[in-house]
Amino acid sequence: MESFGIDELARRLLERVPPALRAVQEDLETGFRAVLRERLSKLDLVTRDEFDAQTRVLERTRARLEALEARLASLEGAPEGAPAEPSAGSTPRGTR
């Protein structure tokens, strides 16, 4: 998580501290930031850019898979979406 997000979370937490404790505001703010950074660093997070890049890769992969499935269906002579027929020389299972 970027520094701005951690600072924003620390600020929000500090706003919820009772006024009597705000005298130690700087110590609390530093502590909040340290705890947030430590806890968030243990999470398996990715940046938005990494997420968007992987989304684009997945979209391209899905499109390619659909194209290959359509090509395979046309090569097998089956209508798209229909299960492939067994070849003429094969026998159904359990009939031999």
PDB file of N, CA and C in Angstrom:
ATOM      1  N   MET A   1       0.862  -1.175   0.000  1.00  0.00           N
ATOM      2  CA  MET A   1       0.000   0.000   0.000  1.00  0.00           C
ATOM      3  C   MET A   1       0.898   1.225   0.000  1.00  0.00           C
ATOM      4  N   GLU A   2       0.530   2.217  -0.761  1.00  0.00           N
ATOM      5  CA  GLU A   2       1.373   3.386  -0.868  1.00  0.00           C
ATOM      6  C   GLU A   2       1.327   4.197   0.423  1.00  0.00           C
ATOM      7  N   SER A   3       2.315   5.042   0.618  1.00  0.00           N
ATOM      8  CA  SER A   3       2.460   5.838   1.832  1.00  0.00           C
ATOM      9  C   SER A   3       1.253   6.734   2.075  1.00  0.00           C
ATOM     10  N   PHE A   4       0.700   7.323   1.017  1.00  0.00           N
ATOM     11  CA  PHE A   4      -0.461   8.198   1.181  1.00  0.00           C
ATOM     12  C   PHE A   4      -1.608   7.449   1.848  1.00  0.00           C
ATOM     13  N   GLY A   5      -1.871   6.224   1.445  1.00  0.00           N
ATOM     14  CA  GLY A   5      -2.958   5.445   2.027  1.00  0.00           C
ATOM     15  C   GLY A   5      -2.738   5.172   3.498  1.00  0.00           C
ATOM     16  N   ILE A   6      -1.518   4.868   3.873  1.00  0.00           N
ATOM     17  CA  ILE A   6      -1.205   4.608   5.276  1.00  0.00           C
ATOM     18  C   ILE A   6      -1.361   5.886   6.083  1.00  0.00           C
ATOM     19  N   ASP A   7      -0.892   7.018   5.546  1.00  0.00           N
ATOM     20  CA  ASP A   7      -1.034   8.294   6.241  1.00  0.00           C
ATOM     21  C   ASP A   7      -2.499   8.643   6.442  1.00  0.00           C
ATOM     22  N   GLU A   8      -3.314   8.372   5.418  1.00  0.00           N
ATOM     23  CA  GLU A   8      -4.747   8.651   5.508  1.00  0.00           C
ATOM     24  C   GLU A   8      -5.404   7.781   6.582  1.00  0.00           C
ATOM     25  N   LEU A   9      -5.051   6.495   6.618  1.00  0.00           N
ATOM     26  CA  LEU A   9      -5.597   5.608   7.650  1.00  0.00           C
ATOM     27  C   LEU A   9      -5.166   6.055   9.043  1.00  0.00           C
ATOM     28  N   ALA A  10      -3.912   6.420   9.192  1.00  0.00           N
ATOM     29  CA  ALA A  10      -3.412   6.881  10.490  1.00  0.00           C
ATOM     30  C   ALA A  10      -4.160   8.145  10.918  1.00  0.00           C
ATOM     31  N   ARG A  11      -4.394   9.054   9.985  1.00  0.00           N
ATOM     32  CA  ARG A  11      -5.124  10.288  10.297  1.00  0.00           C
ATOM     33  C   ARG A  11      -6.546   9.976  10.746  1.00  0.00           C
ATOM     34  N   ARG A  12      -7.199   9.062  10.053  1.00  0.00           N
ATOM     35  CA  ARG A  12      -8.576   8.698  10.425  1.00  0.00           C
ATOM     36  C   ARG A  12      -8.628   8.052  11.810  1.00  0.00           C
ATOM     37  N   LEU A  13      -7.670   7.189  12.093  1.00  0.00           N
ATOM     38  CA  LEU A  13      -7.620   6.580  13.424  1.00  0.00           C
ATOM     39  C   LEU A  13      -7.415   7.647  14.492  1.00  0.00           C
ATOM     40  N   LEU A  14      -6.534   8.584  14.215  1.00  0.00           N
ATOM     41  CA  LEU A  14      -6.234   9.645  15.171  1.00  0.00           C
ATOM     42  C   LEU A  14      -7.459  10.523  15.432  1.00  0.00           C
ATOM     43  N   GLU A  15      -8.284  10.729  14.431  1.00  0.00           N
ATOM     44  CA  GLU A  15      -9.492  11.528  14.611  1.00  0.00           C
ATOM     45  C   GLU A  15     -10.459  10.884  15.598  1.00  0.00           C
ATOM     46  N   ARG A  16     -10.376   9.583  15.748  1.00  0.00           N
ATOM     47  CA  ARG A  16     -11.291   8.865  16.636  1.00  0.00           C
ATOM     48  C   ARG A  16     -10.771   8.773  18.081  1.00  0.00           C
ATOM     49  N   VAL A  17      -9.572   9.245  18.305  1.00  0.00           N
ATOM     50  CA  VAL A  17      -8.989   9.226  19.653  1.00  0.00           C
ATOM     51  C   VAL A  17      -9.665  10.315  20.489  1.00  0.00           C
ATOM     52  N   PRO A  18     -10.023   9.987  21.730  1.00  0.00           N
ATOM     53  CA  PRO A  18     -10.646  11.003  22.596  1.00  0.00           C
ATOM     54  C   PRO A  18      -9.740  12.229  22.761  1.00  0.00           C
ATOM     55  N   PRO A  19     -10.351  13.427  22.903  1.00  0.00           N
ATOM     56  CA  PRO A  19      -9.570  14.667  23.013  1.00  0.00           C
ATOM     57  C   PRO A  19      -8.542  14.651  24.142  1.00  0.00           C
ATOM     58  N   ALA A  20      -8.833  13.966  25.227  1.00  0.00           N
ATOM     59  CA  ALA A  20      -7.900  13.935  26.359  1.00  0.00           C
ATOM     60  C   ALA A  20      -6.584  13.269  25.970  1.00  0.00           C
ATOM     61  N   LEU A  21      -6.605  12.352  25.029  1.00  0.00           N
ATOM     62  CA  LEU A  21      -5.392  11.639  24.623  1.00  0.00           C
ATOM     63  C   LEU A  21      -4.656  12.327  23.473  1.00  0.00           C
ATOM     64  N   ARG A  22      -5.235  13.354  22.934  1.00  0.00           N
ATOM     65  CA  ARG A  22      -4.615  14.019  21.792  1.00  0.00           C
ATOM     66  C   ARG A  22      -3.326  14.752  22.154  1.00  0.00           C
ATOM     67  N   ALA A  23      -3.056  14.885  23.427  1.00  0.00           N
ATOM     68  CA  ALA A  23      -1.802  15.513  23.851  1.00  0.00           C
ATOM     69  C   ALA A  23      -0.618  14.665  23.396  1.00  0.00           C
ATOM     70  N   VAL A  24      -0.835  13.384  23.253  1.00  0.00           N
ATOM     71  CA  VAL A  24       0.224  12.473  22.802  1.00  0.00           C
ATOM     72  C   VAL A  24       0.028  12.145  21.326  1.00  0.00           C
ATOM     73  N   GLN A  25      -0.528  13.082  20.609  1.00  0.00           N
ATOM     74  CA  GLN A  25      -0.908  12.895  19.205  1.00  0.00           C
ATOM     75  C   GLN A  25       0.252  12.416  18.341  1.00  0.00           C
ATOM     76  N   GLU A  26       1.394  13.032  18.464  1.00  0.00           N
ATOM     77  CA  GLU A  26       2.522  12.671  17.612  1.00  0.00           C
ATOM     78  C   GLU A  26       2.958  11.231  17.854  1.00  0.00           C
ATOM     79  N   ASP A  27       3.008  10.833  19.126  1.00  0.00           N
ATOM     80  CA  ASP A  27       3.391   9.448  19.444  1.00  0.00           C
ATOM     81  C   ASP A  27       2.360   8.465  18.897  1.00  0.00           C
ATOM     82  N   LEU A  28       1.075   8.790  19.069  1.00  0.00           N
ATOM     83  CA  LEU A  28       0.014   7.916  18.562  1.00  0.00           C
ATOM     84  C   LEU A  28       0.083   7.804  17.038  1.00  0.00           C
ATOM     85  N   GLU A  29       0.273   8.933  16.388  1.00  0.00           N
ATOM     86  CA  GLU A  29       0.323   8.935  14.927  1.00  0.00           C
ATOM     87  C   GLU A  29       1.481   8.084  14.415  1.00  0.00           C
ATOM     88  N   THR A  30       2.626   8.222  15.040  1.00  0.00           N
ATOM     89  CA  THR A  30       3.798   7.425  14.667  1.00  0.00           C
ATOM     90  C   THR A  30       3.533   5.945  14.917  1.00  0.00           C
ATOM     91  N   GLY A  31       2.910   5.646  16.047  1.00  0.00           N
ATOM     92  CA  GLY A  31       2.584   4.257  16.372  1.00  0.00           C
ATOM     93  C   GLY A  31       1.582   3.661  15.399  1.00  0.00           C
ATOM     94  N   PHE A  32       0.544   4.441  15.062  1.00  0.00           N
ATOM     95  CA  PHE A  32      -0.451   3.974  14.098  1.00  0.00           C
ATOM     96  C   PHE A  32       0.208   3.648  12.762  1.00  0.00           C
ATOM     97  N   ARG A  33       1.058   4.544  12.296  1.00  0.00           N
ATOM     98  CA  ARG A  33       1.736   4.317  11.011  1.00  0.00           C
ATOM     99  C   ARG A  33       2.594   3.057  11.049  1.00  0.00           C
ATOM    100  N   ALA A  34       3.327   2.889  12.137  1.00  0.00           N
ATOM    101  CA  ALA A  34       4.212   1.727  12.251  1.00  0.00           C
ATOM    102  C   ALA A  34       3.408   0.430  12.245  1.00  0.00           C
ATOM    103  N   VAL A  35       2.340   0.398  13.010  1.00  0.00           N
ATOM    104  CA  VAL A  35       1.511  -0.808  13.082  1.00  0.00           C
ATOM    105  C   VAL A  35       0.855  -1.084  11.730  1.00  0.00           C
ATOM    106  N   LEU A  36       0.321  -0.050  11.095  1.00  0.00           N
ATOM    107  CA  LEU A  36      -0.316  -0.229   9.792  1.00  0.00           C
ATOM    108  C   LEU A  36       0.672  -0.738   8.748  1.00  0.00           C
ATOM    109  N   ARG A  37       1.861  -0.133   8.700  1.00  0.00           N
ATOM    110  CA  ARG A  37       2.860  -0.584   7.723  1.00  0.00           C
ATOM    111  C   ARG A  37       3.250  -2.036   7.966  1.00  0.00           C
ATOM    112  N   GLU A  38       3.454  -2.372   9.229  1.00  0.00           N
ATOM    113  CA  GLU A  38       3.876  -3.743   9.559  1.00  0.00           C
ATOM    114  C   GLU A  38       2.789  -4.748   9.197  1.00  0.00           C
ATOM    115  N   ARG A  39       1.555  -4.466   9.542  1.00  0.00           N
ATOM    116  CA  ARG A  39       0.449  -5.390   9.257  1.00  0.00           C
ATOM    117  C   ARG A  39       0.163  -5.486   7.762  1.00  0.00           C
ATOM    118  N   LEU A  40       0.155  -4.354   7.081  1.00  0.00           N
ATOM    119  CA  LEU A  40      -0.144  -4.355   5.651  1.00  0.00           C
ATOM    120  C   LEU A  40       0.976  -5.006   4.844  1.00  0.00           C
ATOM    121  N   SER A  41       2.193  -4.933   5.334  1.00  0.00           N
ATOM    122  CA  SER A  41       3.303  -5.554   4.607  1.00  0.00           C
ATOM    123  C   SER A  41       3.201  -7.075   4.626  1.00  0.00           C
ATOM    124  N   LYS A  42       2.476  -7.624   5.583  1.00  0.00           N
ATOM    125  CA  LYS A  42       2.307  -9.081   5.668  1.00  0.00           C
ATOM    126  C   LYS A  42       1.230  -9.595   4.713  1.00  0.00           C
ATOM    127  N   LEU A  43       0.409  -8.684   4.194  1.00  0.00           N
ATOM    128  CA  LEU A  43      -0.641  -9.084   3.259  1.00  0.00           C
ATOM    129  C   LEU A  43      -0.050  -9.270   1.872  1.00  0.00           C
ATOM    130  N   ASP A  44      -0.648 -10.147   1.119  1.00  0.00           N
ATOM    131  CA  ASP A  44      -0.193 -10.413  -0.241  1.00  0.00           C
ATOM    132  C   ASP A  44      -0.948  -9.486  -1.190  1.00  0.00           C
ATOM    133  N   LEU A  45      -0.495  -8.230  -1.268  1.00  0.00           N
ATOM    134  CA  LEU A  45      -1.178  -7.216  -2.060  1.00  0.00           C
ATOM    135  C   LEU A  45      -0.391  -6.910  -3.326  1.00  0.00           C
ATOM    136  N   VAL A  46      -1.112  -6.471  -4.346  1.00  0.00           N
ATOM    137  CA  VAL A  46      -0.470  -6.017  -5.580  1.00  0.00           C
ATOM    138  C   VAL A  46      -0.919  -4.586  -5.842  1.00  0.00           C
ATOM    139  N   THR A  47      -0.150  -3.881  -6.642  1.00  0.00           N
ATOM    140  CA  THR A  47      -0.534  -2.515  -6.991  1.00  0.00           C
ATOM    141  C   THR A  47      -1.667  -2.553  -8.006  1.00  0.00           C
ATOM    142  N   ARG A  48      -2.344  -1.446  -8.171  1.00  0.00           N
ATOM    143  CA  ARG A  48      -3.424  -1.344  -9.149  1.00  0.00           C
ATOM    144  C   ARG A  48      -2.885  -1.587 -10.551  1.00  0.00           C
ATOM    145  N   ASP A  49      -1.676  -1.072 -10.833  1.00  0.00           N
ATOM    146  CA  ASP A  49      -1.069  -1.278 -12.154  1.00  0.00           C
ATOM    147  C   ASP A  49      -0.824  -2.759 -12.422  1.00  0.00           C
ATOM    148  N   GLU A  50      -0.311  -3.483 -11.422  1.00  0.00           N
ATOM    149  CA  GLU A  50      -0.080  -4.919 -11.596  1.00  0.00           C
ATOM    150  C   GLU A  50      -1.398  -5.654 -11.805  1.00  0.00           C
ATOM    151  N   PHE A  51      -2.415  -5.275 -11.033  1.00  0.00           N
ATOM    152  CA  PHE A  51      -3.725  -5.900 -11.162  1.00  0.00           C
ATOM    153  C   PHE A  51      -4.305  -5.660 -12.555  1.00  0.00           C
ATOM    154  N   ASP A  52      -4.242  -4.412 -13.021  1.00  0.00           N
ATOM    155  CA  ASP A  52      -4.768  -4.078 -14.349  1.00  0.00           C
ATOM    156  C   ASP A  52      -4.011  -4.822 -15.450  1.00  0.00           C
ATOM    157  N   ALA A  53      -2.700  -4.939 -15.303  1.00  0.00           N
ATOM    158  CA  ALA A  53      -1.904  -5.664 -16.304  1.00  0.00           C
ATOM    159  C   ALA A  53      -2.325  -7.130 -16.356  1.00  0.00           C
ATOM    160  N   GLN A  54      -2.513  -7.748 -15.205  1.00  0.00           N
ATOM    161  CA  GLN A  54      -2.927  -9.151 -15.177  1.00  0.00           C
ATOM    162  C   GLN A  54      -4.345  -9.326 -15.715  1.00  0.00           C
ATOM    163  N   THR A  55      -5.200  -8.349 -15.495  1.00  0.00           N
ATOM    164  CA  THR A  55      -6.555  -8.397 -16.043  1.00  0.00           C
ATOM    165  C   THR A  55      -6.512  -8.395 -17.576  1.00  0.00           C
ATOM    166  N   ARG A  56      -5.650  -7.535 -18.149  1.00  0.00           N
ATOM    167  CA  ARG A  56      -5.513  -7.496 -19.606  1.00  0.00           C
ATOM    168  C   ARG A  56      -4.963  -8.818 -20.143  1.00  0.00           C
ATOM    169  N   VAL A  57      -3.995  -9.407 -19.450  1.00  0.00           N
ATOM    170  CA  VAL A  57      -3.441 -10.704 -19.864  1.00  0.00           C
ATOM    171  C   VAL A  57      -4.539 -11.763 -19.841  1.00  0.00           C
ATOM    172  N   LEU A  58      -5.335 -11.771 -18.796  1.00  0.00           N
ATOM    173  CA  LEU A  58      -6.420 -12.749 -18.692  1.00  0.00           C
ATOM    174  C   LEU A  58      -7.447 -12.558 -19.807  1.00  0.00           C
ATOM    175  N   GLU A  59      -7.792 -11.314 -20.121  1.00  0.00           N
ATOM    176  CA  GLU A  59      -8.752 -11.053 -21.205  1.00  0.00           C
ATOM    177  C   GLU A  59      -8.220 -11.563 -22.546  1.00  0.00           C
ATOM    178  N   ARG A  60      -6.934 -11.311 -22.817  1.00  0.00           N
ATOM    179  CA  ARG A  60      -6.343 -11.797 -24.071  1.00  0.00           C
ATOM    180  C   ARG A  60      -6.318 -13.326 -24.099  1.00  0.00           C
ATOM    181  N   THR A  61      -6.012 -13.935 -22.959  1.00  0.00           N
ATOM    182  CA  THR A  61      -5.952 -15.397 -22.884  1.00  0.00           C
ATOM    183  C   THR A  61      -7.334 -16.000 -23.119  1.00  0.00           C
ATOM    184  N   ARG A  62      -8.353 -15.405 -22.526  1.00  0.00           N
ATOM    185  CA  ARG A  62      -9.722 -15.897 -22.729  1.00  0.00           C
ATOM    186  C   ARG A  62     -10.131 -15.783 -24.196  1.00  0.00           C
ATOM    187  N   ALA A  63      -9.815 -14.648 -24.818  1.00  0.00           N
ATOM    188  CA  ALA A  63     -10.162 -14.458 -26.226  1.00  0.00           C
ATOM    189  C   ALA A  63      -9.445 -15.490 -27.092  1.00  0.00           C
ATOM    190  N   ARG A  64      -8.194 -15.745 -26.799  1.00  0.00           N
ATOM    191  CA  ARG A  64      -7.437 -16.732 -27.585  1.00  0.00           C
ATOM    192  C   ARG A  64      -8.007 -18.142 -27.378  1.00  0.00           C
ATOM    193  N   LEU A  65      -8.374 -18.457 -26.144  1.00  0.00           N
ATOM    194  CA  LEU A  65      -8.974 -19.766 -25.868  1.00  0.00           C
ATOM    195  C   LEU A  65     -10.284 -19.930 -26.632  1.00  0.00           C
ATOM    196  N   GLU A  66     -11.118 -18.901 -26.640  1.00  0.00           N
ATOM    197  CA  GLU A  66     -12.378 -18.986 -27.368  1.00  0.00           C
ATOM    198  C   GLU A  66     -12.133 -19.177 -28.864  1.00  0.00           C
ATOM    199  N   ALA A  67     -11.141 -18.481 -29.401  1.00  0.00           N
ATOM    200  CA  ALA A  67     -10.816 -18.625 -30.827  1.00  0.00           C
ATOM    201  C   ALA A  67     -10.318 -20.037 -31.120  1.00  0.00           C
ATOM    202  N   LEU A  68      -9.485 -20.569 -30.250  1.00  0.00           N
ATOM    203  CA  LEU A  68      -8.976 -21.930 -30.450  1.00  0.00           C
ATOM    204  C   LEU A  68     -10.091 -22.967 -30.324  1.00  0.00           C
ATOM    205  N   GLU A  69     -11.019 -22.753 -29.383  1.00  0.00           N
ATOM    206  CA  GLU A  69     -12.149 -23.678 -29.250  1.00  0.00           C
ATOM    207  C   GLU A  69     -13.009 -23.655 -30.505  1.00  0.00           C
ATOM    208  N   ALA A  70     -13.248 -22.467 -31.050  1.00  0.00           N
ATOM    209  CA  ALA A  70     -14.044 -22.358 -32.281  1.00  0.00           C
ATOM    210  C   ALA A  70     -13.319 -23.031 -33.441  1.00  0.00           C
ATOM    211  N   ARG A  71     -12.027 -22.829 -33.531  1.00  0.00           N
ATOM    212  CA  ARG A  71     -11.245 -23.460 -34.605  1.00  0.00           C
ATOM    213  C   ARG A  71     -11.279 -24.979 -34.480  1.00  0.00           C
ATOM    214  N   LEU A  72     -11.121 -25.479 -33.261  1.00  0.00           N
ATOM    215  CA  LEU A  72     -11.163 -26.921 -33.040  1.00  0.00           C
ATOM    216  C   LEU A  72     -12.528 -27.479 -33.418  1.00  0.00           C
ATOM    217  N   ALA A  73     -13.578 -26.783 -33.034  1.00  0.00           N
ATOM    218  CA  ALA A  73     -14.928 -27.243 -33.363  1.00  0.00           C
ATOM    219  C   ALA A  73     -15.127 -27.284 -34.881  1.00  0.00           C
ATOM    220  N   SER A  74     -14.606 -26.283 -35.586  1.00  0.00           N
ATOM    221  CA  SER A  74     -14.772 -26.287 -37.039  1.00  0.00           C
ATOM    222  C   SER A  74     -13.937 -27.392 -37.679  1.00  0.00           C
ATOM    223  N   LEU A  75     -12.757 -27.676 -37.132  1.00  0.00           N
ATOM    224  CA  LEU A  75     -11.931 -28.761 -37.666  1.00  0.00           C
ATOM    225  C   LEU A  75     -12.562 -30.123 -37.421  1.00  0.00           C
ATOM    226  N   GLU A  76     -13.270 -30.249 -36.316  1.00  0.00           N
ATOM    227  CA  GLU A  76     -13.945 -31.513 -36.010  1.00  0.00           C
ATOM    228  C   GLU A  76     -15.263 -31.633 -36.762  1.00  0.00           C
ATOM    229  N   GLY A  77     -15.709 -30.547 -37.352  1.00  0.00           N
ATOM    230  CA  GLY A  77     -16.952 -30.575 -38.104  1.00  0.00           C
ATOM    231  C   GLY A  77     -18.187 -30.504 -37.235  1.00  0.00           C
ATOM    232  N   ALA A  78     -18.027 -30.189 -35.990  1.00  0.00           N
ATOM    233  CA  ALA A  78     -19.172 -30.093 -35.082  1.00  0.00           C
ATOM    234  C   ALA A  78     -19.594 -28.644 -34.965  1.00  0.00           C
ATOM    235  N   PRO A  79     -20.899 -28.409 -34.806  1.00  0.00           N
ATOM    236  CA  PRO A  79     -21.347 -27.028 -34.582  1.00  0.00           C
ATOM    237  C   PRO A  79     -20.754 -26.511 -33.275  1.00  0.00           C
ATOM    238  N   GLU A  80     -20.473 -25.207 -33.238  1.00  0.00           N
ATOM    239  CA  GLU A  80     -19.872 -24.615 -32.044  1.00  0.00           C
ATOM    240  C   GLU A  80     -20.784 -24.816 -30.847  1.00  0.00           C
ATOM    241  N   GLY A  81     -20.218 -25.250 -29.732  1.00  0.00           N
ATOM    242  CA  GLY A  81     -20.980 -25.473 -28.508  1.00  0.00           C
ATOM    243  C   GLY A  81     -21.520 -26.891 -28.387  1.00  0.00           C
ATOM    244  N   ALA A  82     -21.535 -27.655 -29.483  1.00  0.00           N
ATOM    245  CA  ALA A  82     -22.024 -29.031 -29.435  1.00  0.00           C
ATOM    246  C   ALA A  82     -20.871 -29.951 -29.073  1.00  0.00           C
ATOM    247  N   PRO A  83     -21.143 -31.020 -28.344  1.00  0.00           N
ATOM    248  CA  PRO A  83     -20.072 -31.959 -28.019  1.00  0.00           C
ATOM    249  C   PRO A  83     -19.594 -32.670 -29.283  1.00  0.00           C
ATOM    250  N   ALA A  84     -18.312 -32.958 -29.313  1.00  0.00           N
ATOM    251  CA  ALA A  84     -17.738 -33.639 -30.483  1.00  0.00           C
ATOM    252  C   ALA A  84     -18.257 -35.059 -30.564  1.00  0.00           C
ATOM    253  N   GLU A  85     -18.568 -35.506 -31.786  1.00  0.00           N
ATOM    254  CA  GLU A  85     -19.023 -36.877 -32.023  1.00  0.00           C
ATOM    255  C   GLU A  85     -17.814 -37.810 -31.994  1.00  0.00           C
ATOM    256  N   PRO A  86     -17.995 -39.047 -31.514  1.00  0.00           N
ATOM    257  CA  PRO A  86     -16.861 -40.002 -31.601  1.00  0.00           C
ATOM    258  C   PRO A  86     -16.579 -40.313 -33.063  1.00  0.00           C
ATOM    259  N   SER A  87     -15.344 -40.625 -33.364  1.00  0.00           N
ATOM    260  CA  SER A  87     -14.989 -40.916 -34.751  1.00  0.00           C
ATOM    261  C   SER A  87     -15.668 -42.186 -35.217  1.00  0.00           C
ATOM    262  N   ALA A  88     -15.815 -42.381 -36.552  1.00  0.00           N
ATOM    263  CA  ALA A  88     -16.561 -43.487 -37.126  1.00  0.00           C
ATOM    264  C   ALA A  88     -15.969 -44.832 -36.761  1.00  0.00           C
ATOM    265  N   GLY A  89     -14.645 -44.914 -36.606  1.00  0.00           N
ATOM    266  CA  GLY A  89     -14.006 -46.185 -36.303  1.00  0.00           C
ATOM    267  C   GLY A  89     -14.042 -46.582 -34.835  1.00  0.00           C
ATOM    268  N   SER A  90     -14.488 -45.708 -33.995  1.00  0.00           N
ATOM    269  CA  SER A  90     -14.471 -46.043 -32.565  1.00  0.00           C
ATOM    270  C   SER A  90     -15.787 -46.699 -32.154  1.00  0.00           C
ATOM    271  N   THR A  91     -15.736 -47.452 -31.094  1.00  0.00           N
ATOM    272  CA  THR A  91     -16.931 -48.095 -30.582  1.00  0.00           C
ATOM    273  C   THR A  91     -17.234 -47.515 -29.226  1.00  0.00           C
ATOM    274  N   PRO A  92     -18.530 -47.456 -28.884  1.00  0.00           N
ATOM    275  CA  PRO A  92     -18.891 -46.935 -27.568  1.00  0.00           C
ATOM    276  C   PRO A  92     -18.264 -47.772 -26.462  1.00  0.00           C
ATOM    277  N   ARG A  93     -18.033 -47.176 -25.341  1.00  0.00           N
ATOM    278  CA  ARG A  93     -17.435 -47.877 -24.196  1.00  0.00           C
ATOM    279  C   ARG A  93     -18.287 -49.050 -23.757  1.00  0.00           C
ATOM    280  N   GLY A  94     -17.625 -50.126 -23.437  1.00  0.00           N
ATOM    281  CA  GLY A  94     -18.301 -51.281 -22.870  1.00  0.00           C
ATOM    282  C   GLY A  94     -19.025 -52.153 -23.866  1.00  0.00           C
ATOM    283  N   THR A  95     -18.887 -51.914 -25.193  1.00  0.00           N
ATOM    284  CA  THR A  95     -19.586 -52.753 -26.166  1.00  0.00           C
ATOM    285  C   THR A  95     -18.679 -53.808 -26.770  1.00  0.00           C
ATOM    286  N   ARG A  96     -17.436 -53.825 -26.434  1.00  0.00           N
ATOM    287  CA  ARG A  96     -16.539 -54.854 -26.959  1.00  0.00           C
ATOM    288  C   ARG A  96     -16.482 -56.021 -26.048  1.00  0.00           C
TER     289      ARG A  96
END
